[in-house]
Amino acid sequence: MQPPEIDRELNARALEEAGQQYPEFAGRALRVVALPLIRGFAWQVEWVGDPPSGQDAWEFQNTAIRAYKRLAGIQ
């Protein structure tokens, strides 16, 4: 299974949505990506510099990924 092609506009909207809930991470997130694995792919947020740690950083990432998938119509 190939990772989906990421739409730049939807990507920006998803990060904006997540940034509204977690503004401390908004300027540090570059984009939502789908990284290929041996079987399938993994969703992830790419960061400027080292990724932040902590529960809120995970929640930001999950919120951004869910928003992207919803906007792109991916289940």
Protein backbone atom coordinates (compact mmCIF):
# COMPACT_ATOMS: atom_id res chain seq x y z
CA MET A 1 0.00 0.00 0.00
CA GLN A 2 1.42 3.35 -1.09
CA PRO A 3 1.16 6.36 1.21
CA PRO A 4 -1.33 8.93 0.00
CA GLU A 5 -0.09 12.07 -1.71
CA ILE A 6 -0.38 14.93 0.79
CA ASP A 7 -2.35 17.99 -0.36
CA ARG A 8 -0.54 21.18 0.71
CA GLU A 9 -3.69 23.22 1.23
CA LEU A 10 -5.37 20.55 3.35
CA ASN A 11 -2.11 20.09 5.23
CA ALA A 12 -2.00 23.79 6.14
CA ARG A 13 -5.66 23.72 7.21
CA ALA A 14 -5.10 20.65 9.39
CA LEU A 15 -2.11 22.24 11.14
CA GLU A 16 -4.11 25.42 11.63
CA GLU A 17 -6.94 23.47 13.27
CA ALA A 18 -4.52 21.69 15.59
CA GLY A 19 -2.77 24.97 16.36
CA GLN A 20 -6.03 26.49 17.55
CA GLN A 21 -6.24 23.83 20.25
CA TYR A 22 -2.50 23.67 20.98
CA PRO A 23 -1.04 27.07 20.04
CA GLU A 24 2.29 26.35 21.74
CA PHE A 25 3.12 23.91 18.90
CA ALA A 26 1.61 25.76 15.94
CA GLY A 27 4.79 27.48 14.77
CA ARG A 28 6.93 24.38 15.26
CA ALA A 29 5.02 21.96 13.01
CA LEU A 30 6.06 21.79 9.35
CA ARG A 31 3.57 19.35 7.89
CA VAL A 32 1.62 16.11 8.22
CA VAL A 33 3.35 13.27 6.38
CA ALA A 34 2.60 9.64 5.59
CA LEU A 35 5.83 7.68 5.89
CA PRO A 36 6.08 4.37 4.00
CA LEU A 37 6.61 1.21 6.02
CA ILE A 38 7.18 -2.36 4.89
CA ARG A 39 3.41 -2.83 5.07
CA GLY A 40 1.42 0.35 4.71
CA PHE A 41 2.47 3.70 6.09
CA ALA A 42 2.54 5.74 9.30
CA TRP A 43 1.09 9.21 9.84
CA GLN A 44 3.36 11.71 11.54
CA VAL A 45 3.93 15.44 11.99
CA GLU A 46 7.31 16.77 10.89
CA TRP A 47 8.73 19.46 13.17
CA VAL A 48 11.11 22.38 12.89
CA GLY A 49 14.13 21.12 14.83
CA ASP A 50 13.74 18.46 17.48
CA PRO A 51 10.19 17.28 18.08
CA PRO A 52 8.64 18.44 21.34
CA SER A 53 7.93 15.94 24.08
CA GLY A 54 5.01 15.45 26.40
CA GLN A 55 1.36 14.54 26.20
CA ASP A 56 0.28 17.85 24.64
CA ALA A 57 2.74 17.35 21.77
CA TRP A 58 1.20 13.92 21.10
CA GLU A 59 -2.27 15.42 21.27
CA PHE A 60 -1.28 18.15 18.81
CA GLN A 61 0.07 15.54 16.41
CA ASN A 62 -3.04 13.35 16.74
CA THR A 63 -5.32 16.35 16.27
CA ALA A 64 -3.44 17.45 13.13
CA ILE A 65 -3.51 13.94 11.65
CA ARG A 66 -7.21 13.44 12.38
CA ALA A 67 -7.98 16.85 10.87
CA TYR A 68 -5.97 16.06 7.73
CA LYS A 69 -7.63 12.70 7.27
CA ARG A 70 -11.09 14.23 7.77
CA LEU A 71 -10.42 17.09 5.33
CA ALA A 72 -8.96 14.67 2.74
CA GLY A 73 -11.79 12.16 3.15
CA ILE A 74 -9.42 9.40 4.30
CA GLN A 75 -10.74 6.81 6.70
